[in-house]
C-alpha atoms as a PDB file:
ATOM      1  CA  UNK A   1      14.715   6.135   6.439  1.00  0.00           C
ATOM      2  CA  UNK A   2      14.995   2.994   4.278  1.00  0.00           C
ATOM      3  CA  UNK A   3      15.489  -0.495   5.316  1.00  0.00           C
ATOM      4  CA  UNK A   4      19.396  -0.674   4.027  1.00  0.00           C
ATOM      5  CA  UNK A   5      21.783   0.833   2.431  1.00  0.00           C
ATOM      6  CA  UNK A   6      20.095  -1.264  -1.003  1.00  0.00           C
ATOM      7  CA  UNK A   7      17.159   1.272  -0.548  1.00  0.00           C
ATOM      8  CA  UNK A   8      14.545  -1.515   0.071  1.00  0.00           C
ATOM      9  CA  UNK A   9      12.261  -1.480   2.654  1.00  0.00           C
ATOM     10  CA  UNK A  10      11.893  -3.116   5.653  1.00  0.00           C
ATOM     11  CA  UNK A  11      10.753  -6.576   5.015  1.00  0.00           C
ATOM     12  CA  UNK A  12       7.791  -5.703   7.664  1.00  0.00           C
ATOM     13  CA  UNK A  13       6.734  -2.509   5.364  1.00  0.00           C
ATOM     14  CA  UNK A  14       7.488  -4.651   2.506  1.00  0.00           C
ATOM     15  CA  UNK A  15       4.904  -7.403   3.849  1.00  0.00           C
ATOM     16  CA  UNK A  16       2.348  -4.966   4.335  1.00  0.00           C
ATOM     17  CA  UNK A  17       2.629  -2.872   1.258  1.00  0.00           C
ATOM     18  CA  UNK A  18       2.339  -6.286  -0.989  1.00  0.00           C
ATOM     19  CA  UNK A  19      -0.861  -7.261   1.471  1.00  0.00           C
ATOM     20  CA  UNK A  20      -2.064  -3.896   0.118  1.00  0.00           C
ATOM     21  CA  UNK A  21      -1.249  -4.620  -3.560  1.00  0.00           C
ATOM     22  CA  UNK A  22      -2.681  -7.954  -3.142  1.00  0.00           C
ATOM     23  CA  UNK A  23      -6.539  -6.225  -1.204  1.00  0.00           C
ATOM     24  CA  UNK A  24      -6.157  -3.616  -4.421  1.00  0.00           C
ATOM     25  CA  UNK A  25      -5.962  -6.567  -7.005  1.00  0.00           C
ATOM     26  CA  UNK A  26      -9.296  -8.382  -5.244  1.00  0.00           C
ATOM     27  CA  UNK A  27     -11.578  -5.865  -5.933  1.00  0.00           C
ATOM     28  CA  UNK A  28     -11.213  -7.063  -9.666  1.00  0.00           C
ATOM     29  CA  UNK A  29     -11.945 -10.476  -8.543  1.00  0.00           C
ATOM     30  CA  UNK A  30      -9.586 -13.294  -7.627  1.00  0.00           C
ATOM     31  CA  UNK A  31      -9.427 -14.924 -10.412  1.00  0.00           C
ATOM     32  CA  UNK A  32      -7.890 -11.802 -11.810  1.00  0.00           C
ATOM     33  CA  UNK A  33      -5.569 -11.620  -9.685  1.00  0.00           C
ATOM     34  CA  UNK A  34      -4.787 -14.832  -9.446  1.00  0.00           C
ATOM     35  CA  UNK A  35      -4.584 -14.730 -13.910  1.00  0.00           C
ATOM     36  CA  UNK A  36      -2.411 -11.421 -13.368  1.00  0.00           C
ATOM     37  CA  UNK A  37      -0.128 -12.573 -10.857  1.00  0.00           C
ATOM     38  CA  UNK A  38       0.461 -15.619 -13.116  1.00  0.00           C
ATOM     39  CA  UNK A  39       1.066 -13.649 -16.373  1.00  0.00           C
ATOM     40  CA  UNK A  40       3.927 -11.397 -14.070  1.00  0.00           C
ATOM     41  CA  UNK A  41       5.614 -14.369 -13.596  1.00  0.00           C
ATOM     42  CA  UNK A  42       5.487 -15.940 -16.303  1.00  0.00           C
ATOM     43  CA  UNK A  43       5.549 -13.008 -18.855  1.00  0.00           C
ATOM     44  CA  UNK A  44       7.793 -10.378 -16.902  1.00  0.00           C
ATOM     45  CA  UNK A  45       9.761 -12.890 -14.962  1.00  0.00           C
ATOM     46  CA  UNK A  46       8.451 -11.083 -11.378  1.00  0.00           C
ATOM     47  CA  UNK A  47       7.422 -13.372  -8.526  1.00  0.00           C
ATOM     48  CA  UNK A  48       4.750 -11.347  -6.255  1.00  0.00           C
ATOM     49  CA  UNK A  49       7.800 -11.697  -3.390  1.00  0.00           C
ATOM     50  CA  UNK A  50       9.615  -8.992  -6.004  1.00  0.00           C
ATOM     51  CA  UNK A  51       7.182  -6.575  -7.041  1.00  0.00           C
ATOM     52  CA  UNK A  52       8.737  -3.550  -4.466  1.00  0.00           C
ATOM     53  CA  UNK A  53      12.186  -4.602  -6.409  1.00  0.00           C
ATOM     54  CA  UNK A  54      10.704  -4.046  -9.927  1.00  0.00           C
ATOM     55  CA  UNK A  55       8.113  -1.612  -9.793  1.00  0.00           C
ATOM     56  CA  UNK A  56       8.782  -0.366 -13.479  1.00  0.00           C
ATOM     57  CA  UNK A  57       8.522  -4.255 -15.036  1.00  0.00           C
ATOM     58  CA  UNK A  58       5.044  -4.378 -12.258  1.00  0.00           C
ATOM     59  CA  UNK A  59       4.087  -1.441 -13.834  1.00  0.00           C
ATOM     60  CA  UNK A  60       4.112  -2.585 -17.393  1.00  0.00           C
ATOM     61  CA  UNK A  61       2.589  -5.992 -16.515  1.00  0.00           C
ATOM     62  CA  UNK A  62      -0.290  -3.922 -15.330  1.00  0.00           C
ATOM     63  CA  UNK A  63      -0.162  -2.275 -18.812  1.00  0.00           C
ATOM     64  CA  UNK A  64       0.060  -5.180 -20.479  1.00  0.00           C
ATOM     65  CA  UNK A  65      -2.467  -7.087 -18.679  1.00  0.00           C
ATOM     66  CA  UNK A  66      -5.065  -4.550 -17.856  1.00  0.00           C
ATOM     67  CA  UNK A  67      -4.188  -2.502 -21.016  1.00  0.00           C
ATOM     68  CA  UNK A  68      -7.011   1.137 -20.721  1.00  0.00           C
ATOM     69  CA  UNK A  69      -8.050   0.224 -17.338  1.00  0.00           C
ATOM     70  CA  UNK A  70      -4.413  -0.371 -15.654  1.00  0.00           C
ATOM     71  CA  UNK A  71      -4.753   3.312 -14.226  1.00  0.00           C
ATOM     72  CA  UNK A  72      -8.196   2.258 -12.553  1.00  0.00           C
ATOM     73  CA  UNK A  73      -6.215  -1.015 -10.978  1.00  0.00           C
ATOM     74  CA  UNK A  74      -3.086   1.289  -9.662  1.00  0.00           C
ATOM     75  CA  UNK A  75      -5.554   3.757  -8.568  1.00  0.00           C
ATOM     76  CA  UNK A  76      -7.151   0.897  -6.686  1.00  0.00           C
ATOM     77  CA  UNK A  77      -3.763  -0.894  -5.509  1.00  0.00           C
ATOM     78  CA  UNK A  78      -3.042   3.032  -4.278  1.00  0.00           C
ATOM     79  CA  UNK A  79      -5.892   3.182  -2.368  1.00  0.00           C
ATOM     80  CA  UNK A  80      -5.261   0.138  -0.005  1.00  0.00           C
ATOM     81  CA  UNK A  81      -1.222   0.846   0.219  1.00  0.00           C
ATOM     82  CA  UNK A  82      -2.395   4.425   2.020  1.00  0.00           C
ATOM     83  CA  UNK A  83      -5.437   2.300   3.892  1.00  0.00           C
ATOM     84  CA  UNK A  84      -2.623  -0.385   4.758  1.00  0.00           C
ATOM     85  CA  UNK A  85      -0.844   2.319   6.545  1.00  0.00           C
ATOM     86  CA  UNK A  86      -3.951   4.352   8.154  1.00  0.00           C
ATOM     87  CA  UNK A  87      -2.900   7.480   5.915  1.00  0.00           C
ATOM     88  CA  UNK A  88      -5.259   9.744   4.377  1.00  0.00           C
ATOM     89  CA  UNK A  89      -7.059   8.752   0.789  1.00  0.00           C
ATOM     90  CA  UNK A  90      -6.415  11.174  -2.081  1.00  0.00           C
ATOM     91  CA  UNK A  91      -7.472  11.373  -5.005  1.00  0.00           C
ATOM     92  CA  UNK A  92      -5.670   9.638  -7.962  1.00  0.00           C
ATOM     93  CA  UNK A  93      -3.236   7.945  -5.822  1.00  0.00           C
ATOM     94  CA  UNK A  94      -1.277   5.127  -7.858  1.00  0.00           C
ATOM     95  CA  UNK A  95       0.809   2.378  -6.691  1.00  0.00           C
ATOM     96  CA  UNK A  96       4.271   4.621  -7.006  1.00  0.00           C
ATOM     97  CA  UNK A  97       2.864   7.498  -5.298  1.00  0.00           C
ATOM     98  CA  UNK A  98       1.632   5.286  -2.776  1.00  0.00           C
ATOM     99  CA  UNK A  99       4.729   4.171  -1.446  1.00  0.00           C
ATOM    100  CA  UNK A 100       6.804   7.308  -1.708  1.00  0.00           C
ATOM    101  CA  UNK A 101       3.688   9.039   0.573  1.00  0.00           C
ATOM    102  CA  UNK A 102       4.326   5.857   2.888  1.00  0.00           C
ATOM    103  CA  UNK A 103       8.096   6.350   3.018  1.00  0.00           C
ATOM    104  CA  UNK A 104       7.943  10.131   3.402  1.00  0.00           C
ATOM    105  CA  UNK A 105       4.832  11.075   5.878  1.00  0.00           C
ATOM    106  CA  UNK A 106       5.631  11.939   9.536  1.00  0.00           C
ATOM    107  CA  UNK A 107       3.034   9.151  10.610  1.00  0.00           C
ATOM    108  CA  UNK A 108       5.263   6.367   9.408  1.00  0.00           C
ATOM    109  CA  UNK A 109       8.867   7.459   9.144  1.00  0.00           C
ATOM    110  CA  UNK A 110       9.299   5.988  13.082  1.00  0.00           C
ATOM    111  CA  UNK A 111       7.704   2.243  11.117  1.00  0.00           C
ATOM    112  CA  UNK A 112      10.651   3.115   8.501  1.00  0.00           C
ATOM    113  CA  UNK A 113      13.060   3.382  10.950  1.00  0.00           C
ATOM    114  CA  UNK A 114      15.187   0.537  12.459  1.00  0.00           C
ATOM    115  CA  UNK A 115      16.446   2.639  15.024  1.00  0.00           C
ATOM    116  CA  UNK A 116      12.525   3.233  15.788  1.00  0.00           C
ATOM    117  CA  UNK A 117      11.477   2.478  19.311  1.00  0.00           C
ATOM    118  CA  UNK A 118       7.854   1.378  17.636  1.00  0.00           C
ATOM    119  CA  UNK A 119       6.686  -1.942  16.253  1.00  0.00           C
ATOM    120  CA  UNK A 120       6.232  -1.779  12.674  1.00  0.00           C
ATOM    121  CA  UNK A 121       3.464  -4.135  14.201  1.00  0.00           C
ATOM    122  CA  UNK A 122       1.915  -1.227  15.723  1.00  0.00           C
ATOM    123  CA  UNK A 123      -0.390   0.957  13.654  1.00  0.00           C
ATOM    124  CA  UNK A 124      -1.764   4.334  14.360  1.00  0.00           C
ATOM    125  CA  UNK A 125      -5.295   4.169  15.484  1.00  0.00           C
ATOM    126  CA  UNK A 126      -8.012   4.256  13.445  1.00  0.00           C
ATOM    127  CA  UNK A 127     -10.523   7.106  14.170  1.00  0.00           C
ATOM    128  CA  UNK A 128     -13.332   4.375  14.164  1.00  0.00           C
ATOM    129  CA  UNK A 129     -11.864   2.369  17.013  1.00  0.00           C
ATOM    130  CA  UNK A 130     -11.545   4.906  19.161  1.00  0.00           C
ATOM    131  CA  UNK A 131     -14.715   4.641  20.698  1.00  0.00           C
ATOM    132  CA  UNK A 132     -15.808   8.244  19.469  1.00  0.00           C
ATOM    133  CA  UNK A 133     -19.084   8.402  16.794  1.00  0.00           C
ATOM    134  CA  UNK A 134     -19.725  10.194  13.815  1.00  0.00           C
ATOM    135  CA  UNK A 135     -21.415  13.446  15.733  1.00  0.00           C
ATOM    136  CA  UNK A 136     -19.967  13.416  19.268  1.00  0.00           C
ATOM    137  CA  UNK A 137     -18.069  16.112  18.837  1.00  0.00           C
ATOM    138  CA  UNK A 138     -21.012  18.436  17.919  1.00  0.00           C
ATOM    139  CA  UNK A 139     -23.226  16.413  21.003  1.00  0.00           C
ATOM    140  CA  UNK A 140     -20.430  17.525  23.823  1.00  0.00           C
ATOM    141  CA  UNK A 141     -18.751  20.415  22.842  1.00  0.00           C
ATOM    142  CA  UNK A 142     -16.668  20.175  26.062  1.00  0.00           C
ATOM    143  CA  UNK A 143     -14.580  17.590  24.619  1.00  0.00           C
END
C-alpha cells in the first residue's frame, strides 16, 4: 500500500495530505501559518514538502510553537486530512492518526496502490454532490 519500498506515500497522496495540513493550519490564520512554516524550516530544518518524511519533528515543532494549543492544532489538521479524502470524521483524530486512517481505510486503499486502476485524482463522491437533499429518503421510502 505504500508508495515505494522506503515507506513513502505516492506523491499525489502526499500532495493531498500536505494540502490538508495547510488547510488545518489556515484555520488559525494565514499569518500564523506562515510564521509557523518559517519556524519549522529555520529552527527544525523541515521544509513543508518534508513534513511527511519527518513527522516526529513536525509534531515537535507544533508543540514548541503552539505550546498548550498544539493538540487543538493537530486535531484541526487531522480533521482536514480526513476531509481531503472524504473519510468519516472521528472526534480527537490528530495528524498521525489521520494519516494512518488514510493508509488503512478501504475507501483509500485503491488510491495508495500503484497497481490500481483508480486515478489518484478520483475522489469518492460526496453525499452533498449526489443530488439528494437531507430528508429525501424519509419522503420517498421506495428509493
